[in-house]
Structures are given as C-alpha cells and as structure tokens.
PDB file of N, CA and C in Angstrom:
ATOM      1  N   UNK A   1     -17.717   8.110  27.021  1.00  0.00           N
ATOM      2  CA  UNK A   1     -16.676   7.933  26.010  1.00  0.00           C
ATOM      3  C   UNK A   1     -16.244   6.470  26.007  1.00  0.00           C
ATOM      4  N   UNK A   2     -16.174   5.885  24.847  1.00  0.00           N
ATOM      5  CA  UNK A   2     -15.794   4.490  24.685  1.00  0.00           C
ATOM      6  C   UNK A   2     -14.280   4.330  24.786  1.00  0.00           C
ATOM      7  N   UNK A   3     -13.865   3.107  24.998  1.00  0.00           N
ATOM      8  CA  UNK A   3     -12.431   2.816  25.113  1.00  0.00           C
ATOM      9  C   UNK A   3     -11.675   3.266  23.865  1.00  0.00           C
ATOM     10  N   UNK A   4     -12.311   3.159  22.712  1.00  0.00           N
ATOM     11  CA  UNK A   4     -11.662   3.576  21.473  1.00  0.00           C
ATOM     12  C   UNK A   4     -11.312   5.057  21.509  1.00  0.00           C
ATOM     13  N   UNK A   5     -12.211   5.846  22.061  1.00  0.00           N
ATOM     14  CA  UNK A   5     -11.983   7.286  22.128  1.00  0.00           C
ATOM     15  C   UNK A   5     -10.889   7.630  23.136  1.00  0.00           C
ATOM     16  N   UNK A   6     -10.837   6.895  24.239  1.00  0.00           N
ATOM     17  CA  UNK A   6      -9.811   7.164  25.256  1.00  0.00           C
ATOM     18  C   UNK A   6      -8.441   6.754  24.743  1.00  0.00           C
ATOM     19  N   UNK A   7      -8.340   5.576  24.139  1.00  0.00           N
ATOM     20  CA  UNK A   7      -7.043   5.040  23.725  1.00  0.00           C
ATOM     21  C   UNK A   7      -6.689   5.341  22.273  1.00  0.00           C
ATOM     22  N   UNK A   8      -7.529   6.083  21.557  1.00  0.00           N
ATOM     23  CA  UNK A   8      -7.244   6.385  20.154  1.00  0.00           C
ATOM     24  C   UNK A   8      -6.207   7.485  19.986  1.00  0.00           C
ATOM     25  N   UNK A   9      -5.879   8.165  21.047  1.00  0.00           N
ATOM     26  CA  UNK A   9      -4.922   9.263  20.976  1.00  0.00           C
ATOM     27  C   UNK A   9      -3.532   8.798  21.395  1.00  0.00           C
ATOM     28  N   UNK A  10      -2.554   9.002  20.504  1.00  0.00           N
ATOM     29  CA  UNK A  10      -1.161   8.673  20.845  1.00  0.00           C
ATOM     30  C   UNK A  10      -0.718   9.422  22.093  1.00  0.00           C
ATOM     31  N   UNK A  11      -1.150  10.668  22.207  1.00  0.00           N
ATOM     32  CA  UNK A  11      -0.778  11.480  23.365  1.00  0.00           C
ATOM     33  C   UNK A  11      -1.272  10.873  24.664  1.00  0.00           C
ATOM     34  N   UNK A  12      -2.523  10.433  24.695  1.00  0.00           N
ATOM     35  CA  UNK A  12      -3.064   9.824  25.911  1.00  0.00           C
ATOM     36  C   UNK A  12      -2.362   8.511  26.228  1.00  0.00           C
ATOM     37  N   UNK A  13      -2.074   7.729  25.202  1.00  0.00           N
ATOM     38  CA  UNK A  13      -1.371   6.461  25.426  1.00  0.00           C
ATOM     39  C   UNK A  13       0.036   6.731  25.965  1.00  0.00           C
ATOM     40  N   UNK A  14       0.713   7.729  25.413  1.00  0.00           N
ATOM     41  CA  UNK A  14       2.045   8.092  25.916  1.00  0.00           C
ATOM     42  C   UNK A  14       1.971   8.507  27.382  1.00  0.00           C
ATOM     43  N   UNK A  15       0.986   9.317  27.720  1.00  0.00           N
ATOM     44  CA  UNK A  15       0.828   9.775  29.106  1.00  0.00           C
ATOM     45  C   UNK A  15       0.568   8.587  30.028  1.00  0.00           C
ATOM     46  N   UNK A  16      -0.312   7.687  29.625  1.00  0.00           N
ATOM     47  CA  UNK A  16      -0.583   6.499  30.442  1.00  0.00           C
ATOM     48  C   UNK A  16       0.682   5.671  30.632  1.00  0.00           C
ATOM     49  N   UNK A  17       1.441   5.479  29.553  1.00  0.00           N
ATOM     50  CA  UNK A  17       2.686   4.701  29.656  1.00  0.00           C
ATOM     51  C   UNK A  17       3.656   5.355  30.626  1.00  0.00           C
ATOM     52  N   UNK A  18       3.811   6.661  30.506  1.00  0.00           N
ATOM     53  CA  UNK A  18       4.727   7.395  31.374  1.00  0.00           C
ATOM     54  C   UNK A  18       4.307   7.258  32.834  1.00  0.00           C
ATOM     55  N   UNK A  19       3.022   7.450  33.104  1.00  0.00           N
ATOM     56  CA  UNK A  19       2.561   7.393  34.491  1.00  0.00           C
ATOM     57  C   UNK A  19       2.584   5.977  35.052  1.00  0.00           C
ATOM     58  N   UNK A  20       2.393   4.950  34.214  1.00  0.00           N
ATOM     59  CA  UNK A  20       2.494   3.585  34.734  1.00  0.00           C
ATOM     60  C   UNK A  20       3.944   3.239  35.060  1.00  0.00           C
ATOM     61  N   UNK A  21       4.884   3.794  34.301  1.00  0.00           N
ATOM     62  CA  UNK A  21       6.300   3.510  34.535  1.00  0.00           C
ATOM     63  C   UNK A  21       6.880   4.337  35.672  1.00  0.00           C
ATOM     64  N   UNK A  22       6.553   5.622  35.731  1.00  0.00           N
ATOM     65  CA  UNK A  22       7.207   6.547  36.655  1.00  0.00           C
ATOM     66  C   UNK A  22       6.450   6.673  37.970  1.00  0.00           C
ATOM     67  N   UNK A  23       5.139   6.663  37.897  1.00  0.00           N
ATOM     68  CA  UNK A  23       4.352   6.856  39.115  1.00  0.00           C
ATOM     69  C   UNK A  23       3.604   8.163  39.075  1.00  0.00           C
ATOM     70  N   UNK A  24       4.242   9.228  39.540  1.00  0.00           N
ATOM     71  CA  UNK A  24       3.560  10.520  39.551  1.00  0.00           C
ATOM     72  C   UNK A  24       4.490  11.632  39.112  1.00  0.00           C
ATOM     73  N   UNK A  25       3.911  12.583  38.382  1.00  0.00           N
ATOM     74  CA  UNK A  25       4.674  13.713  37.844  1.00  0.00           C
ATOM     75  C   UNK A  25       3.769  14.919  37.706  1.00  0.00           C
ATOM     76  N   UNK A  26       4.385  16.096  37.603  1.00  0.00           N
ATOM     77  CA  UNK A  26       3.589  17.296  37.318  1.00  0.00           C
ATOM     78  C   UNK A  26       3.364  17.409  35.805  1.00  0.00           C
ATOM     79  N   UNK A  27       2.456  18.293  35.428  1.00  0.00           N
ATOM     80  CA  UNK A  27       2.080  18.407  34.017  1.00  0.00           C
ATOM     81  C   UNK A  27       3.275  18.753  33.139  1.00  0.00           C
ATOM     82  N   UNK A  28       4.105  19.667  33.574  1.00  0.00           N
ATOM     83  CA  UNK A  28       5.249  20.077  32.753  1.00  0.00           C
ATOM     84  C   UNK A  28       6.179  18.909  32.457  1.00  0.00           C
ATOM     85  N   UNK A  29       6.418  18.075  33.458  1.00  0.00           N
ATOM     86  CA  UNK A  29       7.312  16.929  33.259  1.00  0.00           C
ATOM     87  C   UNK A  29       6.655  15.870  32.383  1.00  0.00           C
ATOM     88  N   UNK A  30       5.355  15.669  32.550  1.00  0.00           N
ATOM     89  CA  UNK A  30       4.635  14.726  31.678  1.00  0.00           C
ATOM     90  C   UNK A  30       4.711  15.215  30.237  1.00  0.00           C
ATOM     91  N   UNK A  31       4.461  16.507  30.039  1.00  0.00           N
ATOM     92  CA  UNK A  31       4.497  17.089  28.689  1.00  0.00           C
ATOM     93  C   UNK A  31       5.879  16.912  28.071  1.00  0.00           C
ATOM     94  N   UNK A  32       6.913  17.190  28.836  1.00  0.00           N
ATOM     95  CA  UNK A  32       8.286  17.057  28.338  1.00  0.00           C
ATOM     96  C   UNK A  32       8.579  15.624  27.921  1.00  0.00           C
ATOM     97  N   UNK A  33       8.248  14.676  28.777  1.00  0.00           N
ATOM     98  CA  UNK A  33       8.537  13.269  28.484  1.00  0.00           C
ATOM     99  C   UNK A  33       7.697  12.725  27.327  1.00  0.00           C
ATOM    100  N   UNK A  34       6.480  13.241  27.176  1.00  0.00           N
ATOM    101  CA  UNK A  34       5.593  12.773  26.104  1.00  0.00           C
ATOM    102  C   UNK A  34       5.830  13.514  24.792  1.00  0.00           C
ATOM    103  N   UNK A  35       6.604  14.598  24.834  1.00  0.00           N
ATOM    104  CA  UNK A  35       6.846  15.380  23.630  1.00  0.00           C
ATOM    105  C   UNK A  35       5.629  16.173  23.192  1.00  0.00           C
ATOM    106  N   UNK A  36       4.834  16.605  24.170  1.00  0.00           N
ATOM    107  CA  UNK A  36       3.612  17.368  23.908  1.00  0.00           C
ATOM    108  C   UNK A  36       3.723  18.745  24.535  1.00  0.00           C
ATOM    109  N   UNK A  37       2.888  19.678  24.087  1.00  0.00           N
ATOM    110  CA  UNK A  37       2.882  20.980  24.749  1.00  0.00           C
ATOM    111  C   UNK A  37       1.992  20.920  25.990  1.00  0.00           C
ATOM    112  N   UNK A  38       2.092  21.943  26.813  1.00  0.00           N
ATOM    113  CA  UNK A  38       1.391  21.971  28.096  1.00  0.00           C
ATOM    114  C   UNK A  38      -0.123  21.881  27.908  1.00  0.00           C
ATOM    115  N   UNK A  39      -0.679  22.666  26.986  1.00  0.00           N
ATOM    116  CA  UNK A  39      -2.135  22.706  26.802  1.00  0.00           C
ATOM    117  C   UNK A  39      -2.673  21.350  26.340  1.00  0.00           C
ATOM    118  N   UNK A  40      -1.985  20.714  25.415  1.00  0.00           N
ATOM    119  CA  UNK A  40      -2.404  19.400  24.924  1.00  0.00           C
ATOM    120  C   UNK A  40      -2.333  18.367  26.043  1.00  0.00           C
ATOM    121  N   UNK A  41      -1.252  18.398  26.801  1.00  0.00           N
ATOM    122  CA  UNK A  41      -1.083  17.473  27.916  1.00  0.00           C
ATOM    123  C   UNK A  41      -2.190  17.678  28.936  1.00  0.00           C
ATOM    124  N   UNK A  42      -2.484  18.917  29.253  1.00  0.00           N
ATOM    125  CA  UNK A  42      -3.536  19.232  30.219  1.00  0.00           C
ATOM    126  C   UNK A  42      -4.891  18.699  29.732  1.00  0.00           C
ATOM    127  N   UNK A  43      -5.174  18.867  28.459  1.00  0.00           N
ATOM    128  CA  UNK A  43      -6.435  18.379  27.887  1.00  0.00           C
ATOM    129  C   UNK A  43      -6.509  16.848  27.964  1.00  0.00           C
ATOM    130  N   UNK A  44      -5.423  16.174  27.595  1.00  0.00           N
ATOM    131  CA  UNK A  44      -5.397  14.708  27.657  1.00  0.00           C
ATOM    132  C   UNK A  44      -5.554  14.222  29.102  1.00  0.00           C
ATOM    133  N   UNK A  45      -4.883  14.872  30.022  1.00  0.00           N
ATOM    134  CA  UNK A  45      -5.005  14.482  31.432  1.00  0.00           C
ATOM    135  C   UNK A  45      -6.440  14.663  31.921  1.00  0.00           C
ATOM    136  N   UNK A  46      -7.104  15.697  31.441  1.00  0.00           N
ATOM    137  CA  UNK A  46      -8.508  15.916  31.804  1.00  0.00           C
ATOM    138  C   UNK A  46      -9.390  14.758  31.359  1.00  0.00           C
ATOM    139  N   UNK A  47      -9.174  14.288  30.133  1.00  0.00           N
ATOM    140  CA  UNK A  47      -9.947  13.155  29.611  1.00  0.00           C
ATOM    141  C   UNK A  47      -9.642  11.905  30.437  1.00  0.00           C
ATOM    142  N   UNK A  48      -8.360  11.659  30.692  1.00  0.00           N
ATOM    143  CA  UNK A  48      -7.967  10.468  31.453  1.00  0.00           C
ATOM    144  C   UNK A  48      -8.507  10.519  32.880  1.00  0.00           C
ATOM    145  N   UNK A  49      -8.517  11.703  33.463  1.00  0.00           N
ATOM    146  CA  UNK A  49      -9.032  11.847  34.823  1.00  0.00           C
ATOM    147  C   UNK A  49     -10.553  11.683  34.841  1.00  0.00           C
ATOM    148  N   UNK A  50     -11.211  12.194  33.829  1.00  0.00           N
ATOM    149  CA  UNK A  50     -12.666  12.061  33.708  1.00  0.00           C
ATOM    150  C   UNK A  50     -13.090  10.587  33.713  1.00  0.00           C
ATOM    151  N   UNK A  51     -12.239   9.732  33.172  1.00  0.00           N
ATOM    152  CA  UNK A  51     -12.525   8.300  33.117  1.00  0.00           C
ATOM    153  C   UNK A  51     -11.902   7.522  34.264  1.00  0.00           C
ATOM    154  N   UNK A  52     -11.314   8.228  35.212  1.00  0.00           N
ATOM    155  CA  UNK A  52     -10.782   7.586  36.401  1.00  0.00           C
ATOM    156  C   UNK A  52      -9.467   6.863  36.207  1.00  0.00           C
ATOM    157  N   UNK A  53      -8.791   7.101  35.083  1.00  0.00           N
ATOM    158  CA  UNK A  53      -7.533   6.409  34.820  1.00  0.00           C
ATOM    159  C   UNK A  53      -6.356   7.094  35.504  1.00  0.00           C
ATOM    160  N   UNK A  54      -6.464   8.385  35.713  1.00  0.00           N
ATOM    161  CA  UNK A  54      -5.452   9.129  36.469  1.00  0.00           C
ATOM    162  C   UNK A  54      -6.177   9.993  37.504  1.00  0.00           C
ATOM    163  N   UNK A  55      -5.435  10.414  38.487  1.00  0.00           N
ATOM    164  CA  UNK A  55      -5.959  11.339  39.492  1.00  0.00           C
ATOM    165  C   UNK A  55      -4.861  12.333  39.818  1.00  0.00           C
ATOM    166  N   UNK A  56      -5.240  13.407  40.484  1.00  0.00           N
ATOM    167  CA  UNK A  56      -4.219  14.395  40.824  1.00  0.00           C
ATOM    168  C   UNK A  56      -4.387  14.868  42.257  1.00  0.00           C
ATOM    169  N   UNK A  57      -3.294  15.397  42.773  1.00  0.00           N
ATOM    170  CA  UNK A  57      -3.326  16.091  44.053  1.00  0.00           C
ATOM    171  C   UNK A  57      -2.702  17.453  43.822  1.00  0.00           C
ATOM    172  N   UNK A  58      -3.115  18.396  44.602  1.00  0.00           N
ATOM    173  CA  UNK A  58      -2.697  19.777  44.397  1.00  0.00           C
ATOM    174  C   UNK A  58      -1.796  20.226  45.547  1.00  0.00           C
ATOM    175  N   UNK A  59      -0.704  20.870  45.180  1.00  0.00           N
ATOM    176  CA  UNK A  59       0.211  21.509  46.129  1.00  0.00           C
ATOM    177  C   UNK A  59       0.306  22.964  45.711  1.00  0.00           C
ATOM    178  N   UNK A  60      -0.560  23.794  46.267  1.00  0.00           N
ATOM    179  CA  UNK A  60      -0.622  25.187  45.825  1.00  0.00           C
ATOM    180  C   UNK A  60      -1.106  25.225  44.395  1.00  0.00           C
ATOM    181  N   UNK A  61      -0.305  25.800  43.510  1.00  0.00           N
ATOM    182  CA  UNK A  61      -0.683  25.877  42.095  1.00  0.00           C
ATOM    183  C   UNK A  61      -0.230  24.666  41.296  1.00  0.00           C
ATOM    184  N   UNK A  62       0.549  23.810  41.898  1.00  0.00           N
ATOM    185  CA  UNK A  62       1.099  22.648  41.191  1.00  0.00           C
ATOM    186  C   UNK A  62       0.176  21.443  41.366  1.00  0.00           C
ATOM    187  N   UNK A  63      -0.124  20.787  40.248  1.00  0.00           N
ATOM    188  CA  UNK A  63      -0.893  19.544  40.280  1.00  0.00           C
ATOM    189  C   UNK A  63       0.037  18.384  39.936  1.00  0.00           C
ATOM    190  N   UNK A  64       0.008  17.375  40.775  1.00  0.00           N
ATOM    191  CA  UNK A  64       0.799  16.171  40.555  1.00  0.00           C
ATOM    192  C   UNK A  64      -0.165  15.066  40.130  1.00  0.00           C
ATOM    193  N   UNK A  65       0.088  14.491  38.949  1.00  0.00           N
ATOM    194  CA  UNK A  65      -0.791  13.453  38.422  1.00  0.00           C
ATOM    195  C   UNK A  65      -0.189  12.085  38.673  1.00  0.00           C
ATOM    196  N   UNK A  66      -1.089  11.141  38.931  1.00  0.00           N
ATOM    197  CA  UNK A  66      -0.701   9.774  39.247  1.00  0.00           C
ATOM    198  C   UNK A  66      -1.655   8.821  38.540  1.00  0.00           C
ATOM    199  N   UNK A  67      -1.107   7.696  38.103  1.00  0.00           N
ATOM    200  CA  UNK A  67      -1.918   6.636  37.529  1.00  0.00           C
ATOM    201  C   UNK A  67      -2.802   6.081  38.640  1.00  0.00           C
ATOM    202  N   UNK A  68      -4.077   5.863  38.370  1.00  0.00           N
ATOM    203  CA  UNK A  68      -5.043   5.455  39.391  1.00  0.00           C
ATOM    204  C   UNK A  68      -5.207   3.930  39.418  1.00  0.00           C
ATOM    205  N   UNK A  69      -4.309   3.256  40.132  1.00  0.00           N
ATOM    206  CA  UNK A  69      -4.348   1.791  40.188  1.00  0.00           C
ATOM    207  C   UNK A  69      -5.600   1.261  40.871  1.00  0.00           C
ATOM    208  N   UNK A  70      -6.306   2.102  41.623  1.00  0.00           N
ATOM    209  CA  UNK A  70      -7.517   1.671  42.325  1.00  0.00           C
ATOM    210  C   UNK A  70      -8.689   1.435  41.368  1.00  0.00           C
ATOM    211  N   UNK A  71      -8.621   1.998  40.177  1.00  0.00           N
ATOM    212  CA  UNK A  71      -9.679   1.838  39.185  1.00  0.00           C
ATOM    213  C   UNK A  71      -9.434   0.536  38.420  1.00  0.00           C
ATOM    214  N   UNK A  72     -10.428  -0.372  38.364  1.00  0.00           N
ATOM    215  CA  UNK A  72     -10.223  -1.652  37.660  1.00  0.00           C
ATOM    216  C   UNK A  72      -9.813  -1.480  36.193  1.00  0.00           C
ATOM    217  N   UNK A  73     -10.367  -0.490  35.509  1.00  0.00           N
ATOM    218  CA  UNK A  73      -9.976  -0.244  34.112  1.00  0.00           C
ATOM    219  C   UNK A  73      -8.515   0.174  34.040  1.00  0.00           C
ATOM    220  N   UNK A  74      -8.108   1.052  34.940  1.00  0.00           N
ATOM    221  CA  UNK A  74      -6.717   1.513  34.967  1.00  0.00           C
ATOM    222  C   UNK A  74      -5.785   0.355  35.295  1.00  0.00           C
ATOM    223  N   UNK A  75      -6.209  -0.502  36.210  1.00  0.00           N
ATOM    224  CA  UNK A  75      -5.387  -1.655  36.570  1.00  0.00           C
ATOM    225  C   UNK A  75      -5.141  -2.549  35.347  1.00  0.00           C
ATOM    226  N   UNK A  76      -6.185  -2.775  34.565  1.00  0.00           N
ATOM    227  CA  UNK A  76      -6.031  -3.581  33.348  1.00  0.00           C
ATOM    228  C   UNK A  76      -5.117  -2.903  32.334  1.00  0.00           C
ATOM    229  N   UNK A  77      -5.259  -1.601  32.183  1.00  0.00           N
ATOM    230  CA  UNK A  77      -4.382  -0.861  31.269  1.00  0.00           C
ATOM    231  C   UNK A  77      -2.944  -0.940  31.751  1.00  0.00           C
ATOM    232  N   UNK A  78      -2.732  -0.818  33.057  1.00  0.00           N
ATOM    233  CA  UNK A  78      -1.388  -0.932  33.619  1.00  0.00           C
ATOM    234  C   UNK A  78      -0.776  -2.300  33.343  1.00  0.00           C
ATOM    235  N   UNK A  79      -1.587  -3.349  33.489  1.00  0.00           N
ATOM    236  CA  UNK A  79      -1.093  -4.699  33.202  1.00  0.00           C
ATOM    237  C   UNK A  79      -0.784  -4.864  31.721  1.00  0.00           C
ATOM    238  N   UNK A  80      -1.626  -4.294  30.862  1.00  0.00           N
ATOM    239  CA  UNK A  80      -1.373  -4.329  29.421  1.00  0.00           C
ATOM    240  C   UNK A  80      -0.057  -3.630  29.087  1.00  0.00           C
ATOM    241  N   UNK A  81       0.170  -2.454  29.673  1.00  0.00           N
ATOM    242  CA  UNK A  81       1.413  -1.704  29.425  1.00  0.00           C
ATOM    243  C   UNK A  81       2.628  -2.526  29.862  1.00  0.00           C
ATOM    244  N   UNK A  82       2.526  -3.163  31.025  1.00  0.00           N
ATOM    245  CA  UNK A  82       3.638  -3.970  31.539  1.00  0.00           C
ATOM    246  C   UNK A  82       3.899  -5.165  30.630  1.00  0.00           C
ATOM    247  N   UNK A  83       2.848  -5.848  30.229  1.00  0.00           N
ATOM    248  CA  UNK A  83       3.001  -6.996  29.329  1.00  0.00           C
ATOM    249  C   UNK A  83       3.589  -6.567  27.997  1.00  0.00           C
ATOM    250  N   UNK A  84       3.119  -5.450  27.481  1.00  0.00           N
ATOM    251  CA  UNK A  84       3.621  -4.936  26.204  1.00  0.00           C
ATOM    252  C   UNK A  84       5.112  -4.642  26.311  1.00  0.00           C
ATOM    253  N   UNK A  85       5.506  -4.012  27.429  1.00  0.00           N
ATOM    254  CA  UNK A  85       6.916  -3.672  27.635  1.00  0.00           C
ATOM    255  C   UNK A  85       7.772  -4.938  27.710  1.00  0.00           C
ATOM    256  N   UNK A  86       7.275  -5.954  28.388  1.00  0.00           N
ATOM    257  CA  UNK A  86       8.029  -7.210  28.524  1.00  0.00           C
ATOM    258  C   UNK A  86       8.204  -7.909  27.187  1.00  0.00           C
ATOM    259  N   UNK A  87       7.182  -7.895  26.351  1.00  0.00           N
ATOM    260  CA  UNK A  87       7.265  -8.604  25.073  1.00  0.00           C
ATOM    261  C   UNK A  87       7.977  -7.785  23.999  1.00  0.00           C
ATOM    262  N   UNK A  88       8.204  -6.503  24.259  1.00  0.00           N
ATOM    263  CA  UNK A  88       8.925  -5.657  23.299  1.00  0.00           C
ATOM    264  C   UNK A  88      10.440  -5.764  23.444  1.00  0.00           C
ATOM    265  N   UNK A  89      10.901  -6.410  24.508  1.00  0.00           N
ATOM    266  CA  UNK A  89      12.344  -6.544  24.711  1.00  0.00           C
ATOM    267  C   UNK A  89      12.917  -7.393  23.595  1.00  0.00           C
ATOM    268  N   UNK A  90      14.099  -6.998  23.077  1.00  0.00           N
ATOM    269  CA  UNK A  90      14.702  -7.772  21.986  1.00  0.00           C
ATOM    270  C   UNK A  90      15.003  -9.196  22.436  1.00  0.00           C
ATOM    271  N   UNK A  91      14.733 -10.105  21.554  1.00  0.00           N
ATOM    272  CA  UNK A  91      14.993 -11.520  21.844  1.00  0.00           C
ATOM    273  C   UNK A  91      16.493 -11.786  21.752  1.00  0.00           C
ATOM    274  N   UNK A  92      16.983 -12.521  22.719  1.00  0.00           N
ATOM    275  CA  UNK A  92      18.397 -12.891  22.697  1.00  0.00           C
ATOM    276  C   UNK A  92      18.540 -14.171  21.880  1.00  0.00           C
ATOM    277  N   UNK A  93      19.548 -14.210  21.049  1.00  0.00           N
ATOM    278  CA  UNK A  93      19.751 -15.414  20.254  1.00  0.00           C
ATOM    279  C   UNK A  93      20.399 -16.489  21.110  1.00  0.00           C
ATOM    280  N   UNK A  94      19.947 -17.698  20.902  1.00  0.00           N
ATOM    281  CA  UNK A  94      20.471 -18.850  21.630  1.00  0.00           C
ATOM    282  C   UNK A  94      21.503 -19.511  20.757  1.00  0.00           C
ATOM    283  N   UNK A  95      22.684 -19.739  21.306  1.00  0.00           N
ATOM    284  CA  UNK A  95      23.756 -20.383  20.528  1.00  0.00           C
ATOM    285  C   UNK A  95      24.179 -21.648  21.163  1.00  0.00           C
TER     286      UNK A  95
END
C-alpha cells in the first residue's frame, strides 16, 4: 500500500494524530476521540499496524495501541504532526 492509500483516510490521520499526542489508548478511547465507530477504528488500526505505524499490546481481551516511534516512517509522520501542530497555532499580533 502506498503512502497515499495510508494517509488518504481522514480517520487514519485522526488516529495517527491522537496517538502521536497522547501516546497509547485502547480502541474504544481512540474511537471516541476520533469520532469514529469501533469497527471503523479497528479497521483503520489494522491498516496502520500492517504498515508498522502503530503497534499494540494485549491485556486479556483489551488491546492498547501505541504509535510506533521505532519505525522510521512513523517517526517522520510524528515529526510532521508536531510541525503541523506548531505552525497551526494562531499568530500573535505584534504591537
């Protein structure tokens, strides 16, 4: 899957942004914060995990997802998200 296919989904981009900002969360909390349903969130996380951008650990039936900073592609996406957030801050007027 090409980068266009991974990043072409608003849902996947929202999930990546959430995980780069927060760190790690379970699927229900990711879905809530992204405004997506559980099944859609689970599908998006599967795609992101398939490409090594996120990873999960299991605690019984609960899966906790985390942004995978060890992956060079994920690291670049994380830096892009941080830069985007910094440049989106409203400019203060100088008087």
